[in-house]
Amino acid sequence: MDYCSDFKYDLKIGQAKEQELSKIFHEKRIEVKFDRKAQDTGNIFIEYESRNKPSGITTTQSEYYCIVINDIYHIIETSKLKEKCRKYLNTRRDVVGGDNNTSKGILLPSTELIH
């Protein structure tokens, strides 16, 4: 999109984006994940199993994930987050973690939330 310094044009675009966001949140299930270590490590732990049972992203009913890093809210469709995580299954990013290391998850590079 080309830059436009016309306020009316910018307002119209802004209002359209507000409507898009409203549609996302209207009656949608959103799971919010706050990962304290993500700001230091550059990775987000996306759990898929706990105590040898499916959990986290595997069992979620949410349509969207909201991952909070440094008070920035990254919203992604759950299906797209699953796609991003799948490519790391059975790699060095498929790790044990969580409370007492009883969970399995993917260390997803936080940069993948914006790509």
Protein backbone atom coordinates (compact mmCIF):
# COMPACT_ATOMS: atom_id res chain seq x y z
CA MET A 1 0.00 0.00 0.00
CA ASP A 2 1.33 3.43 -0.89
CA TYR A 3 1.71 6.09 1.76
CA CYS A 4 -1.08 8.64 1.86
CA SER A 5 -1.10 11.75 4.02
CA ASP A 6 -4.86 12.26 3.61
CA PHE A 7 -6.44 12.04 7.09
CA LYS A 8 -9.84 10.96 5.72
CA TYR A 9 -8.22 8.10 3.82
CA ASP A 10 -6.18 7.04 6.86
CA LEU A 11 -9.28 7.24 9.06
CA LYS A 12 -11.22 5.01 6.66
CA ILE A 13 -8.43 2.42 6.68
CA GLY A 14 -8.15 2.59 10.48
CA GLN A 15 -11.89 2.09 10.91
CA ALA A 16 -11.83 -0.91 8.56
CA LYS A 17 -9.05 -2.50 10.62
CA GLU A 18 -11.00 -1.81 13.83
CA GLN A 19 -13.97 -3.67 12.33
CA GLU A 20 -11.74 -6.60 11.37
CA LEU A 21 -10.42 -6.81 14.94
CA SER A 22 -13.93 -6.57 16.33
CA LYS A 23 -14.96 -9.55 14.19
CA ILE A 24 -12.03 -11.55 15.55
CA PHE A 25 -12.99 -10.93 19.15
CA HIS A 26 -16.77 -11.14 18.74
CA GLU A 27 -17.82 -14.43 20.32
CA LYS A 28 -14.43 -16.04 19.70
CA ARG A 29 -12.48 -18.14 22.14
CA ILE A 30 -9.02 -16.74 22.76
CA GLU A 31 -6.34 -18.37 24.88
CA VAL A 32 -3.89 -15.92 26.42
CA LYS A 33 -0.32 -17.05 27.09
CA PHE A 34 2.16 -14.97 29.04
CA ASP A 35 5.69 -16.35 28.89
CA ARG A 36 7.99 -14.44 31.28
CA LYS A 37 11.14 -15.93 29.79
CA ALA A 38 10.31 -15.11 26.16
CA GLN A 39 11.68 -11.58 26.39
CA ASP A 40 15.06 -12.96 27.50
CA THR A 41 15.28 -16.17 25.46
CA GLY A 42 13.53 -15.11 22.24
CA ASN A 43 11.45 -18.30 22.43
CA ILE A 44 7.92 -19.13 23.51
CA PHE A 45 7.18 -22.50 25.12
CA ILE A 46 4.06 -23.91 23.43
CA GLU A 47 2.94 -26.90 25.48
CA TYR A 48 1.39 -29.89 23.73
CA GLU A 49 1.63 -32.64 26.38
CA SER A 50 1.67 -32.82 30.17
CA ARG A 51 2.15 -35.86 32.35
CA ASN A 52 2.02 -38.09 29.24
CA LYS A 53 -1.39 -36.76 28.17
CA PRO A 54 -2.29 -34.32 25.38
CA SER A 55 -2.60 -30.77 26.71
CA GLY A 56 -2.05 -27.15 25.78
CA ILE A 57 -2.26 -26.46 22.06
CA THR A 58 -3.22 -30.09 21.38
CA THR A 59 -6.44 -29.88 23.38
CA THR A 60 -7.32 -26.19 23.27
CA GLN A 61 -10.80 -25.14 22.22
CA SER A 62 -9.60 -21.64 21.38
CA GLU A 63 -9.76 -20.24 17.87
CA TYR A 64 -6.98 -17.75 18.59
CA TYR A 65 -3.93 -17.54 20.80
CA CYS A 66 -2.83 -14.23 22.26
CA ILE A 67 0.81 -14.43 23.28
CA VAL A 68 2.02 -11.56 25.45
CA ILE A 69 5.69 -10.58 25.33
CA ASN A 70 6.90 -7.30 26.85
CA ASP A 71 3.30 -6.05 27.07
CA ILE A 72 2.87 -6.54 23.32
CA TYR A 73 -0.09 -8.72 22.42
CA HIS A 74 0.49 -11.03 19.45
CA ILE A 75 -2.74 -12.57 18.16
CA ILE A 76 -2.58 -15.62 15.91
CA GLU A 77 -5.11 -18.18 14.75
CA THR A 78 -4.63 -21.41 16.68
CA SER A 79 -4.44 -23.37 13.42
CA LYS A 80 -1.59 -21.17 12.19
CA LEU A 81 0.26 -21.48 15.50
CA LYS A 82 -0.04 -25.26 15.24
CA GLU A 83 1.43 -25.14 11.74
CA LYS A 84 4.37 -23.08 12.97
CA CYS A 85 5.01 -25.55 15.81
CA ARG A 86 4.65 -28.76 13.77
CA LYS A 87 7.85 -28.20 11.84
CA TYR A 88 9.79 -28.31 15.12
CA LEU A 89 8.42 -31.66 16.35
CA ASN A 90 11.26 -34.14 16.94
CA THR A 91 13.94 -31.44 16.63
CA ARG A 92 16.09 -29.78 19.27
CA ARG A 93 13.20 -27.29 19.78
CA ASP A 94 10.91 -30.11 20.95
CA VAL A 95 11.76 -29.97 24.66
CA VAL A 96 10.71 -30.96 28.15
CA GLY A 97 9.70 -28.10 30.43
CA GLY A 98 6.99 -26.64 32.57
CA ASP A 99 6.48 -27.35 36.25
CA ASN A 100 8.91 -30.08 37.36
CA ASN A 101 9.68 -30.80 33.68
CA THR A 102 6.45 -32.80 33.35
CA SER A 103 5.40 -31.13 30.10
CA LYS A 104 6.53 -31.30 26.51
CA GLY A 105 6.44 -28.34 24.21
CA ILE A 106 7.93 -26.52 21.30
CA LEU A 107 10.35 -23.64 21.79
CA LEU A 108 8.93 -21.42 19.08
CA PRO A 109 11.13 -18.47 18.09
CA SER A 110 9.14 -15.36 18.99
CA THR A 111 10.07 -13.86 15.62
CA GLU A 112 7.76 -16.40 14.00
CA LEU A 113 4.76 -14.61 15.47
CA ILE A 114 5.28 -11.75 13.05
CA HIS A 115 6.29 -13.76 9.98
